């Protein structure tokens, strides 16, 4: 059990590591990247939700689209091009989960269910009756719980890079060599970052895009190890939703990377086999292919969000 969970948990710990170390990777000339949203120009706001203060940003106008980020990640880490594309048609709300970034925490034990209640509470505070909801990795756990607990509050659901719970025997785990790469902390920081990047992104793509790490967004606030440990415990104790997938009534998109070795794409097939009428989009790239193909990723989301029900 602990071995299974270590893959996802260490992935995001490592993700923060390589974002801080990215200048040591690669050299050369890459194509000019599309211009995205500069989050520092968007007002940071805060709302009291239950026992905590949740920090958030709102971008664009239109129907609300709530983005829930993954393990240890702050709202600063959403791809700026994706934010620009989505906010051109929707009112996009991004926020920091409990204890992350500028959002406070209390002594309550962290659980996925509590994160879902926080999310619903933020919607209440912002007077949002219904929103489309996108969850990435751990955020997809939260998004699914929101959809099941309050189906009246979710328009469309997007599960990105997720599964229905690591405890379920049907969930496909990462290969042993991937686990070894993620858990191997030997060597210099440069050596560790290079080794880990090769797990998180396809090798061929890294060779073709040597400078892409320079454009990746980075968290503006450090995340404490204590908070990371509490989030990890929440993931470890979550029973998952594998047995409840058939209860999801919202139009649902499952999006995965065909080269994702952290959360293997076979898990997406399990999800769509359980969620009635769900869409499946298999994109090239790894677990964070949003950064690899931001425009294609955005078009996929917008196509789903704007499709009329038959």
C-alpha atoms as a PDB file:
ATOM      1  CA  UNK A   1       0.000   0.000   0.000  1.00  0.00           C
ATOM      2  CA  UNK A   2       2.734   2.442   1.003  1.00  0.00           C
ATOM      3  CA  UNK A   3       4.664   1.504  -2.131  1.00  0.00           C
ATOM      4  CA  UNK A   4       1.668   2.275  -4.326  1.00  0.00           C
ATOM      5  CA  UNK A   5       1.118   5.671  -2.767  1.00  0.00           C
ATOM      6  CA  UNK A   6       4.791   6.634  -2.896  1.00  0.00           C
ATOM      7  CA  UNK A   7       4.624   6.958  -6.673  1.00  0.00           C
ATOM      8  CA  UNK A   8       2.094   9.759  -6.765  1.00  0.00           C
ATOM      9  CA  UNK A   9       3.311  11.457  -3.605  1.00  0.00           C
ATOM     10  CA  UNK A  10       6.953  11.531  -4.618  1.00  0.00           C
ATOM     11  CA  UNK A  11       6.032  12.650  -8.117  1.00  0.00           C
ATOM     12  CA  UNK A  12       4.778  15.962  -6.866  1.00  0.00           C
ATOM     13  CA  UNK A  13       7.533  16.343  -4.294  1.00  0.00           C
ATOM     14  CA  UNK A  14       9.965  15.835  -7.121  1.00  0.00           C
ATOM     15  CA  UNK A  15       8.007  18.114  -9.433  1.00  0.00           C
ATOM     16  CA  UNK A  16       8.607  20.978  -6.999  1.00  0.00           C
ATOM     17  CA  UNK A  17      12.274  20.002  -6.836  1.00  0.00           C
ATOM     18  CA  UNK A  18      12.900  20.074 -10.568  1.00  0.00           C
ATOM     19  CA  UNK A  19      10.984  23.324 -11.021  1.00  0.00           C
ATOM     20  CA  UNK A  20      13.423  24.958  -8.647  1.00  0.00           C
ATOM     21  CA  UNK A  21      16.380  23.292 -10.370  1.00  0.00           C
ATOM     22  CA  UNK A  22      15.304  23.562 -14.001  1.00  0.00           C
ATOM     23  CA  UNK A  23      18.085  25.926 -15.228  1.00  0.00           C
ATOM     24  CA  UNK A  24      20.603  23.048 -15.060  1.00  0.00           C
ATOM     25  CA  UNK A  25      18.712  21.121 -17.766  1.00  0.00           C
ATOM     26  CA  UNK A  26      19.368  21.396 -21.462  1.00  0.00           C
ATOM     27  CA  UNK A  27      20.647  24.053 -23.778  1.00  0.00           C
ATOM     28  CA  UNK A  28      19.885  25.215 -27.262  1.00  0.00           C
ATOM     29  CA  UNK A  29      17.175  27.035 -29.164  1.00  0.00           C
ATOM     30  CA  UNK A  30      13.506  26.082 -29.022  1.00  0.00           C
ATOM     31  CA  UNK A  31      10.542  27.461 -30.938  1.00  0.00           C
ATOM     32  CA  UNK A  32       8.878  30.559 -29.535  1.00  0.00           C
ATOM     33  CA  UNK A  33       6.242  29.527 -27.004  1.00  0.00           C
ATOM     34  CA  UNK A  34       2.747  31.044 -27.146  1.00  0.00           C
ATOM     35  CA  UNK A  35       2.117  33.855 -24.692  1.00  0.00           C
ATOM     36  CA  UNK A  36      -0.027  32.985 -21.701  1.00  0.00           C
ATOM     37  CA  UNK A  37      -1.598  34.668 -18.691  1.00  0.00           C
ATOM     38  CA  UNK A  38       0.722  36.482 -16.293  1.00  0.00           C
ATOM     39  CA  UNK A  39      -0.846  35.528 -12.969  1.00  0.00           C
ATOM     40  CA  UNK A  40       0.981  38.309 -11.190  1.00  0.00           C
ATOM     41  CA  UNK A  41      -1.318  40.763 -12.967  1.00  0.00           C
ATOM     42  CA  UNK A  42      -4.414  38.986 -11.595  1.00  0.00           C
ATOM     43  CA  UNK A  43      -5.569  40.097  -8.159  1.00  0.00           C
ATOM     44  CA  UNK A  44      -5.055  37.577  -5.374  1.00  0.00           C
ATOM     45  CA  UNK A  45      -8.187  37.359  -3.248  1.00  0.00           C
ATOM     46  CA  UNK A  46      -9.296  35.461  -0.165  1.00  0.00           C
ATOM     47  CA  UNK A  47     -12.540  34.159   1.301  1.00  0.00           C
ATOM     48  CA  UNK A  48     -13.296  32.712   4.712  1.00  0.00           C
ATOM     49  CA  UNK A  49     -14.535  29.141   4.220  1.00  0.00           C
ATOM     50  CA  UNK A  50     -15.339  27.267   7.392  1.00  0.00           C
ATOM     51  CA  UNK A  51     -12.195  27.117   9.499  1.00  0.00           C
ATOM     52  CA  UNK A  52      -9.757  28.404   6.860  1.00  0.00           C
ATOM     53  CA  UNK A  53      -9.080  31.312   4.497  1.00  0.00           C
ATOM     54  CA  UNK A  54      -8.914  30.183   0.867  1.00  0.00           C
ATOM     55  CA  UNK A  55      -6.833  32.242  -1.548  1.00  0.00           C
ATOM     56  CA  UNK A  56      -7.927  32.333  -5.165  1.00  0.00           C
ATOM     57  CA  UNK A  57      -7.766  34.188  -8.461  1.00  0.00           C
ATOM     58  CA  UNK A  58     -10.520  34.744 -11.012  1.00  0.00           C
ATOM     59  CA  UNK A  59      -9.685  35.138 -14.706  1.00  0.00           C
ATOM     60  CA  UNK A  60     -12.093  35.934 -17.541  1.00  0.00           C
ATOM     61  CA  UNK A  61     -15.872  35.958 -17.627  1.00  0.00           C
ATOM     62  CA  UNK A  62     -18.721  33.644 -18.505  1.00  0.00           C
ATOM     63  CA  UNK A  63     -19.750  30.320 -17.023  1.00  0.00           C
ATOM     64  CA  UNK A  64     -17.613  29.401 -13.998  1.00  0.00           C
ATOM     65  CA  UNK A  65     -14.860  26.835 -14.530  1.00  0.00           C
ATOM     66  CA  UNK A  66     -13.161  25.688 -11.327  1.00  0.00           C
ATOM     67  CA  UNK A  67      -9.634  24.231 -11.546  1.00  0.00           C
ATOM     68  CA  UNK A  68      -8.437  22.010  -8.676  1.00  0.00           C
ATOM     69  CA  UNK A  69      -4.712  21.381  -8.648  1.00  0.00           C
ATOM     70  CA  UNK A  70      -2.760  18.341  -7.521  1.00  0.00           C
ATOM     71  CA  UNK A  71      -0.610  17.176  -4.658  1.00  0.00           C
ATOM     72  CA  UNK A  72       1.644  19.881  -3.160  1.00  0.00           C
ATOM     73  CA  UNK A  73       0.982  22.184  -6.121  1.00  0.00           C
ATOM     74  CA  UNK A  74      -0.125  25.791  -5.803  1.00  0.00           C
ATOM     75  CA  UNK A  75      -2.436  27.653  -8.160  1.00  0.00           C
ATOM     76  CA  UNK A  76       0.640  29.361  -9.646  1.00  0.00           C
ATOM     77  CA  UNK A  77       1.514  26.080 -11.349  1.00  0.00           C
ATOM     78  CA  UNK A  78      -1.333  25.986 -13.874  1.00  0.00           C
ATOM     79  CA  UNK A  79       0.022  26.407 -17.383  1.00  0.00           C
ATOM     80  CA  UNK A  80      -0.325  30.100 -18.384  1.00  0.00           C
ATOM     81  CA  UNK A  81      -1.313  29.290 -21.980  1.00  0.00           C
ATOM     82  CA  UNK A  82      -4.050  26.928 -20.780  1.00  0.00           C
ATOM     83  CA  UNK A  83      -5.321  29.643 -18.436  1.00  0.00           C
ATOM     84  CA  UNK A  84      -5.381  32.166 -21.268  1.00  0.00           C
ATOM     85  CA  UNK A  85      -7.292  29.855 -23.612  1.00  0.00           C
ATOM     86  CA  UNK A  86      -9.841  28.728 -21.036  1.00  0.00           C
ATOM     87  CA  UNK A  87     -10.423  32.221 -19.641  1.00  0.00           C
ATOM     88  CA  UNK A  88     -11.146  33.540 -23.140  1.00  0.00           C
ATOM     89  CA  UNK A  89     -14.500  31.749 -22.898  1.00  0.00           C
ATOM     90  CA  UNK A  90     -15.060  30.998 -19.215  1.00  0.00           C
ATOM     91  CA  UNK A  91     -14.743  32.565 -15.805  1.00  0.00           C
ATOM     92  CA  UNK A  92     -11.811  30.514 -14.549  1.00  0.00           C
ATOM     93  CA  UNK A  93     -11.313  30.186 -10.791  1.00  0.00           C
ATOM     94  CA  UNK A  94      -8.014  28.811  -9.498  1.00  0.00           C
ATOM     95  CA  UNK A  95      -7.203  28.431  -5.809  1.00  0.00           C
ATOM     96  CA  UNK A  96      -4.788  26.931  -3.307  1.00  0.00           C
ATOM     97  CA  UNK A  97      -5.927  23.840  -1.468  1.00  0.00           C
ATOM     98  CA  UNK A  98      -5.981  23.788   2.319  1.00  0.00           C
ATOM     99  CA  UNK A  99      -2.544  24.503   3.770  1.00  0.00           C
ATOM    100  CA  UNK A 100      -0.949  25.215   0.365  1.00  0.00           C
ATOM    101  CA  UNK A 101       0.314  28.581  -0.919  1.00  0.00           C
ATOM    102  CA  UNK A 102      -1.656  31.435   0.652  1.00  0.00           C
ATOM    103  CA  UNK A 103      -4.529  29.240   1.905  1.00  0.00           C
ATOM    104  CA  UNK A 104      -4.482  28.589   5.625  1.00  0.00           C
ATOM    105  CA  UNK A 105      -5.048  25.327   7.494  1.00  0.00           C
ATOM    106  CA  UNK A 106      -6.383  24.281  10.880  1.00  0.00           C
ATOM    107  CA  UNK A 107      -5.816  21.303  13.144  1.00  0.00           C
ATOM    108  CA  UNK A 108      -8.436  19.244  11.291  1.00  0.00           C
ATOM    109  CA  UNK A 109      -6.972  16.084   9.772  1.00  0.00           C
ATOM    110  CA  UNK A 110      -6.598  16.430   6.017  1.00  0.00           C
ATOM    111  CA  UNK A 111      -8.870  14.188   3.959  1.00  0.00           C
ATOM    112  CA  UNK A 112      -9.938  14.178   0.319  1.00  0.00           C
ATOM    113  CA  UNK A 113     -13.504  14.555   1.553  1.00  0.00           C
ATOM    114  CA  UNK A 114     -12.513  17.667   3.539  1.00  0.00           C
ATOM    115  CA  UNK A 115     -10.844  19.150   0.454  1.00  0.00           C
ATOM    116  CA  UNK A 116     -14.095  18.552  -1.427  1.00  0.00           C
ATOM    117  CA  UNK A 117     -16.048  20.385   1.281  1.00  0.00           C
ATOM    118  CA  UNK A 118     -13.546  23.254   1.086  1.00  0.00           C
ATOM    119  CA  UNK A 119     -14.159  23.457  -2.661  1.00  0.00           C
ATOM    120  CA  UNK A 120     -17.926  23.539  -2.225  1.00  0.00           C
ATOM    121  CA  UNK A 121     -17.498  26.148   0.508  1.00  0.00           C
ATOM    122  CA  UNK A 122     -15.488  28.357  -1.835  1.00  0.00           C
ATOM    123  CA  UNK A 123     -18.254  28.093  -4.424  1.00  0.00           C
ATOM    124  CA  UNK A 124     -20.738  29.162  -1.741  1.00  0.00           C
ATOM    125  CA  UNK A 125     -18.572  32.117  -0.727  1.00  0.00           C
ATOM    126  CA  UNK A 126     -18.301  33.235  -4.355  1.00  0.00           C
ATOM    127  CA  UNK A 127     -22.044  32.692  -4.860  1.00  0.00           C
ATOM    128  CA  UNK A 128     -21.437  30.154  -7.612  1.00  0.00           C
ATOM    129  CA  UNK A 129     -24.459  27.884  -7.836  1.00  0.00           C
ATOM    130  CA  UNK A 130     -22.969  25.592 -10.473  1.00  0.00           C
ATOM    131  CA  UNK A 131     -19.567  25.332 -12.174  1.00  0.00           C
ATOM    132  CA  UNK A 132     -17.700  23.083 -14.524  1.00  0.00           C
ATOM    133  CA  UNK A 133     -14.945  21.388 -12.508  1.00  0.00           C
ATOM    134  CA  UNK A 134     -11.510  20.197 -13.635  1.00  0.00           C
ATOM    135  CA  UNK A 135      -9.252  18.254 -11.295  1.00  0.00           C
ATOM    136  CA  UNK A 136      -5.637  17.331 -12.033  1.00  0.00           C
ATOM    137  CA  UNK A 137      -4.145  14.201 -10.420  1.00  0.00           C
ATOM    138  CA  UNK A 138      -4.979  14.515  -6.692  1.00  0.00           C
ATOM    139  CA  UNK A 139      -7.286  17.344  -7.738  1.00  0.00           C
ATOM    140  CA  UNK A 140      -9.249  14.802  -9.775  1.00  0.00           C
ATOM    141  CA  UNK A 141      -9.921  12.881  -6.549  1.00  0.00           C
ATOM    142  CA  UNK A 142     -11.324  16.071  -5.036  1.00  0.00           C
ATOM    143  CA  UNK A 143     -13.321  16.944  -8.155  1.00  0.00           C
ATOM    144  CA  UNK A 144     -14.891  13.497  -8.254  1.00  0.00           C
ATOM    145  CA  UNK A 145     -15.879  13.734  -4.593  1.00  0.00           C
ATOM    146  CA  UNK A 146     -17.473  17.138  -5.236  1.00  0.00           C
ATOM    147  CA  UNK A 147     -19.435  15.679  -8.153  1.00  0.00           C
ATOM    148  CA  UNK A 148     -20.695  12.746  -6.102  1.00  0.00           C
ATOM    149  CA  UNK A 149     -21.489  14.737  -2.969  1.00  0.00           C
ATOM    150  CA  UNK A 150     -23.127  17.705  -4.693  1.00  0.00           C
ATOM    151  CA  UNK A 151     -24.152  16.725  -8.227  1.00  0.00           C
ATOM    152  CA  UNK A 152     -26.363  19.813  -8.391  1.00  0.00           C
ATOM    153  CA  UNK A 153     -23.274  22.038  -8.179  1.00  0.00           C
ATOM    154  CA  UNK A 154     -21.234  20.535 -11.040  1.00  0.00           C
ATOM    155  CA  UNK A 155     -22.025  21.175 -14.702  1.00  0.00           C
ATOM    156  CA  UNK A 156     -19.339  19.135 -16.472  1.00  0.00           C
ATOM    157  CA  UNK A 157     -16.525  17.144 -14.868  1.00  0.00           C
ATOM    158  CA  UNK A 158     -12.962  16.786 -16.187  1.00  0.00           C
ATOM    159  CA  UNK A 159     -10.655  14.151 -14.707  1.00  0.00           C
ATOM    160  CA  UNK A 160      -7.071  14.850 -15.782  1.00  0.00           C
ATOM    161  CA  UNK A 161      -4.209  12.470 -14.993  1.00  0.00           C
ATOM    162  CA  UNK A 162      -6.210  10.685 -12.322  1.00  0.00           C
ATOM    163  CA  UNK A 163      -7.638   7.366 -11.267  1.00  0.00           C
ATOM    164  CA  UNK A 164     -10.369   6.200  -8.926  1.00  0.00           C
ATOM    165  CA  UNK A 165      -8.154   5.584  -5.916  1.00  0.00           C
ATOM    166  CA  UNK A 166      -4.794   3.933  -5.274  1.00  0.00           C
ATOM    167  CA  UNK A 167      -6.291   1.414  -2.855  1.00  0.00           C
ATOM    168  CA  UNK A 168      -8.354  -0.300  -5.545  1.00  0.00           C
ATOM    169  CA  UNK A 169      -6.855  -3.530  -6.882  1.00  0.00           C
ATOM    170  CA  UNK A 170      -7.960  -2.701 -10.434  1.00  0.00           C
ATOM    171  CA  UNK A 171      -5.934   0.518 -10.530  1.00  0.00           C
ATOM    172  CA  UNK A 172      -2.761   0.088 -12.584  1.00  0.00           C
ATOM    173  CA  UNK A 173       0.385   0.989 -10.676  1.00  0.00           C
ATOM    174  CA  UNK A 174       3.625   2.428 -12.052  1.00  0.00           C
ATOM    175  CA  UNK A 175       6.341   0.019 -13.168  1.00  0.00           C
ATOM    176  CA  UNK A 176       9.054  -0.906 -10.627  1.00  0.00           C
ATOM    177  CA  UNK A 177      11.737   0.979 -12.568  1.00  0.00           C
ATOM    178  CA  UNK A 178       9.616   4.139 -12.442  1.00  0.00           C
ATOM    179  CA  UNK A 179       9.179   3.749  -8.699  1.00  0.00           C
ATOM    180  CA  UNK A 180      12.928   3.275  -8.377  1.00  0.00           C
ATOM    181  CA  UNK A 181      13.652   6.427 -10.375  1.00  0.00           C
ATOM    182  CA  UNK A 182      11.213   8.428  -8.275  1.00  0.00           C
ATOM    183  CA  UNK A 183      12.508   7.160  -4.952  1.00  0.00           C
ATOM    184  CA  UNK A 184      16.229   7.282  -5.780  1.00  0.00           C
ATOM    185  CA  UNK A 185      17.556  10.424  -4.125  1.00  0.00           C
ATOM    186  CA  UNK A 186      21.245   9.653  -4.639  1.00  0.00           C
ATOM    187  CA  UNK A 187      23.635  11.930  -6.480  1.00  0.00           C
ATOM    188  CA  UNK A 188      23.856  15.684  -6.838  1.00  0.00           C
ATOM    189  CA  UNK A 189      20.752  17.883  -7.229  1.00  0.00           C
ATOM    190  CA  UNK A 190      21.591  18.193 -10.938  1.00  0.00           C
ATOM    191  CA  UNK A 191      21.799  14.418 -11.331  1.00  0.00           C
ATOM    192  CA  UNK A 192      18.571  13.864  -9.396  1.00  0.00           C
ATOM    193  CA  UNK A 193      16.662  16.476 -11.380  1.00  0.00           C
ATOM    194  CA  UNK A 194      17.809  15.027 -14.712  1.00  0.00           C
ATOM    195  CA  UNK A 195      16.923  11.493 -13.653  1.00  0.00           C
ATOM    196  CA  UNK A 196      13.505  12.494 -12.422  1.00  0.00           C
ATOM    197  CA  UNK A 197      12.632  14.701 -15.382  1.00  0.00           C
ATOM    198  CA  UNK A 198      13.208  11.711 -17.638  1.00  0.00           C
ATOM    199  CA  UNK A 199      10.514   9.869 -15.717  1.00  0.00           C
ATOM    200  CA  UNK A 200       8.025  12.708 -15.731  1.00  0.00           C
ATOM    201  CA  UNK A 201       8.455  13.571 -19.419  1.00  0.00           C
ATOM    202  CA  UNK A 202       9.086  11.339 -22.458  1.00  0.00           C
ATOM    203  CA  UNK A 203      12.771  11.123 -23.343  1.00  0.00           C
ATOM    204  CA  UNK A 204      12.295  11.804 -27.050  1.00  0.00           C
ATOM    205  CA  UNK A 205      10.241  14.912 -26.318  1.00  0.00           C
ATOM    206  CA  UNK A 206      12.900  16.222 -23.939  1.00  0.00           C
ATOM    207  CA  UNK A 207      15.519  15.807 -26.645  1.00  0.00           C
ATOM    208  CA  UNK A 208      13.380  17.721 -29.130  1.00  0.00           C
ATOM    209  CA  UNK A 209      12.551  20.524 -26.650  1.00  0.00           C
ATOM    210  CA  UNK A 210      15.743  21.168 -24.647  1.00  0.00           C
ATOM    211  CA  UNK A 211      14.653  24.564 -23.324  1.00  0.00           C
ATOM    212  CA  UNK A 212      11.063  23.922 -22.368  1.00  0.00           C
ATOM    213  CA  UNK A 213      11.723  23.843 -18.613  1.00  0.00           C
ATOM    214  CA  UNK A 214      12.664  27.512 -18.698  1.00  0.00           C
ATOM    215  CA  UNK A 215       9.049  28.419 -19.424  1.00  0.00           C
ATOM    216  CA  UNK A 216       7.416  26.272 -16.764  1.00  0.00           C
ATOM    217  CA  UNK A 217       5.476  28.091 -14.023  1.00  0.00           C
ATOM    218  CA  UNK A 218       6.871  27.781 -10.531  1.00  0.00           C
ATOM    219  CA  UNK A 219       5.208  28.086  -7.112  1.00  0.00           C
ATOM    220  CA  UNK A 220       5.620  31.540  -5.594  1.00  0.00           C
ATOM    221  CA  UNK A 221       5.333  30.244  -2.027  1.00  0.00           C
ATOM    222  CA  UNK A 222       7.242  27.330  -0.479  1.00  0.00           C
ATOM    223  CA  UNK A 223       5.167  24.369   0.656  1.00  0.00           C
ATOM    224  CA  UNK A 224       6.050  23.050   4.092  1.00  0.00           C
ATOM    225  CA  UNK A 225       7.037  19.379   4.474  1.00  0.00           C
ATOM    226  CA  UNK A 226       4.422  19.096   7.227  1.00  0.00           C
ATOM    227  CA  UNK A 227       1.653  20.138   4.850  1.00  0.00           C
ATOM    228  CA  UNK A 228       2.936  17.774   2.178  1.00  0.00           C
ATOM    229  CA  UNK A 229       2.898  14.948   4.707  1.00  0.00           C
ATOM    230  CA  UNK A 230      -0.690  15.772   5.677  1.00  0.00           C
ATOM    231  CA  UNK A 231      -1.784  15.760   2.049  1.00  0.00           C
ATOM    232  CA  UNK A 232      -0.001  12.455   1.533  1.00  0.00           C
ATOM    233  CA  UNK A 233      -1.850  10.956   4.481  1.00  0.00           C
ATOM    234  CA  UNK A 234      -5.132  12.184   3.036  1.00  0.00           C
ATOM    235  CA  UNK A 235      -4.380  10.400  -0.225  1.00  0.00           C
ATOM    236  CA  UNK A 236      -3.311   7.261   1.605  1.00  0.00           C
ATOM    237  CA  UNK A 237      -6.486   7.055   3.631  1.00  0.00           C
ATOM    238  CA  UNK A 238      -8.889   7.877   0.788  1.00  0.00           C
ATOM    239  CA  UNK A 239     -11.044   4.869  -0.068  1.00  0.00           C
ATOM    240  CA  UNK A 240     -11.496   6.033  -3.633  1.00  0.00           C
ATOM    241  CA  UNK A 241     -14.502   6.112  -5.914  1.00  0.00           C
ATOM    242  CA  UNK A 242     -13.997   2.998  -8.060  1.00  0.00           C
ATOM    243  CA  UNK A 243     -17.234   1.501  -6.747  1.00  0.00           C
ATOM    244  CA  UNK A 244     -19.160   4.771  -7.157  1.00  0.00           C
ATOM    245  CA  UNK A 245     -18.240   5.780 -10.685  1.00  0.00           C
ATOM    246  CA  UNK A 246     -21.620   4.700 -12.084  1.00  0.00           C
ATOM    247  CA  UNK A 247     -23.246   7.341  -9.842  1.00  0.00           C
ATOM    248  CA  UNK A 248     -21.594  10.226 -11.680  1.00  0.00           C
ATOM    249  CA  UNK A 249     -24.381  11.901 -13.625  1.00  0.00           C
ATOM    250  CA  UNK A 250     -22.485  14.851 -15.077  1.00  0.00           C
ATOM    251  CA  UNK A 251     -21.019  14.810 -18.598  1.00  0.00           C
ATOM    252  CA  UNK A 252     -17.455  13.689 -17.886  1.00  0.00           C
ATOM    253  CA  UNK A 253     -14.169  13.926 -19.767  1.00  0.00           C
ATOM    254  CA  UNK A 254     -11.235  11.711 -18.822  1.00  0.00           C
ATOM    255  CA  UNK A 255      -7.971  12.996 -20.285  1.00  0.00           C
ATOM    256  CA  UNK A 256      -4.673  11.146 -20.072  1.00  0.00           C
ATOM    257  CA  UNK A 257      -1.171  11.133 -21.515  1.00  0.00           C
ATOM    258  CA  UNK A 258      -0.324   8.099 -23.639  1.00  0.00           C
ATOM    259  CA  UNK A 259       3.211   8.169 -22.210  1.00  0.00           C
ATOM    260  CA  UNK A 260       2.234   8.780 -18.586  1.00  0.00           C
ATOM    261  CA  UNK A 261       4.333   6.340 -16.547  1.00  0.00           C
ATOM    262  CA  UNK A 262       3.336   7.786 -13.168  1.00  0.00           C
ATOM    263  CA  UNK A 263      -0.427   7.265 -13.530  1.00  0.00           C
ATOM    264  CA  UNK A 264      -0.529   4.790 -16.451  1.00  0.00           C
ATOM    265  CA  UNK A 265      -3.138   5.582 -19.118  1.00  0.00           C
ATOM    266  CA  UNK A 266      -4.845   2.218 -18.572  1.00  0.00           C
ATOM    267  CA  UNK A 267      -6.435   3.856 -15.540  1.00  0.00           C
ATOM    268  CA  UNK A 268      -8.319   6.208 -17.862  1.00  0.00           C
ATOM    269  CA  UNK A 269      -9.881   3.203 -19.576  1.00  0.00           C
ATOM    270  CA  UNK A 270     -11.057   1.938 -16.197  1.00  0.00           C
ATOM    271  CA  UNK A 271     -12.667   5.291 -15.463  1.00  0.00           C
ATOM    272  CA  UNK A 272     -14.551   5.589 -18.752  1.00  0.00           C
ATOM    273  CA  UNK A 273     -15.737   1.996 -18.451  1.00  0.00           C
ATOM    274  CA  UNK A 274     -17.426   2.939 -15.169  1.00  0.00           C
ATOM    275  CA  UNK A 275     -18.703   6.483 -15.834  1.00  0.00           C
ATOM    276  CA  UNK A 276     -21.837   6.459 -18.016  1.00  0.00           C
ATOM    277  CA  UNK A 277     -21.442   8.312 -21.315  1.00  0.00           C
ATOM    278  CA  UNK A 278     -17.989   9.656 -20.475  1.00  0.00           C
ATOM    279  CA  UNK A 279     -15.494  10.951 -23.031  1.00  0.00           C
ATOM    280  CA  UNK A 280     -11.914   9.744 -23.270  1.00  0.00           C
ATOM    281  CA  UNK A 281      -9.130  11.830 -24.801  1.00  0.00           C
ATOM    282  CA  UNK A 282      -5.705  10.242 -25.035  1.00  0.00           C
ATOM    283  CA  UNK A 283      -3.071  12.875 -25.732  1.00  0.00           C
ATOM    284  CA  UNK A 284       0.628  12.334 -26.362  1.00  0.00           C
ATOM    285  CA  UNK A 285       2.947  13.105 -23.516  1.00  0.00           C
ATOM    286  CA  UNK A 286       3.454  12.313 -19.874  1.00  0.00           C
ATOM    287  CA  UNK A 287       1.656  12.998 -16.629  1.00  0.00           C
ATOM    288  CA  UNK A 288       2.048  16.758 -17.052  1.00  0.00           C
ATOM    289  CA  UNK A 289       1.350  16.945 -20.787  1.00  0.00           C
ATOM    290  CA  UNK A 290      -0.584  20.151 -20.169  1.00  0.00           C
ATOM    291  CA  UNK A 291       2.858  21.815 -20.241  1.00  0.00           C
ATOM    292  CA  UNK A 292       4.014  19.898 -23.301  1.00  0.00           C
ATOM    293  CA  UNK A 293       0.994  20.660 -25.487  1.00  0.00           C
ATOM    294  CA  UNK A 294      -0.891  23.553 -23.867  1.00  0.00           C
ATOM    295  CA  UNK A 295      -2.778  24.645 -26.990  1.00  0.00           C
ATOM    296  CA  UNK A 296      -3.857  21.115 -27.939  1.00  0.00           C
ATOM    297  CA  UNK A 297      -4.790  20.433 -24.328  1.00  0.00           C
ATOM    298  CA  UNK A 298      -6.887  23.596 -24.212  1.00  0.00           C
ATOM    299  CA  UNK A 299      -8.670  22.787 -27.474  1.00  0.00           C
ATOM    300  CA  UNK A 300      -9.564  19.352 -26.131  1.00  0.00           C
ATOM    301  CA  UNK A 301     -11.076  20.866 -22.998  1.00  0.00           C
ATOM    302  CA  UNK A 302     -12.975  23.544 -24.884  1.00  0.00           C
ATOM    303  CA  UNK A 303     -14.364  21.031 -27.376  1.00  0.00           C
ATOM    304  CA  UNK A 304     -15.749  18.982 -24.512  1.00  0.00           C
ATOM    305  CA  UNK A 305     -17.052  21.948 -22.523  1.00  0.00           C
ATOM    306  CA  UNK A 306     -18.844  23.462 -25.512  1.00  0.00           C
ATOM    307  CA  UNK A 307     -20.347  20.240 -26.855  1.00  0.00           C
ATOM    308  CA  UNK A 308     -24.134  20.163 -26.612  1.00  0.00           C
ATOM    309  CA  UNK A 309     -25.732  17.063 -25.060  1.00  0.00           C
ATOM    310  CA  UNK A 310     -27.491  14.825 -27.543  1.00  0.00           C
END
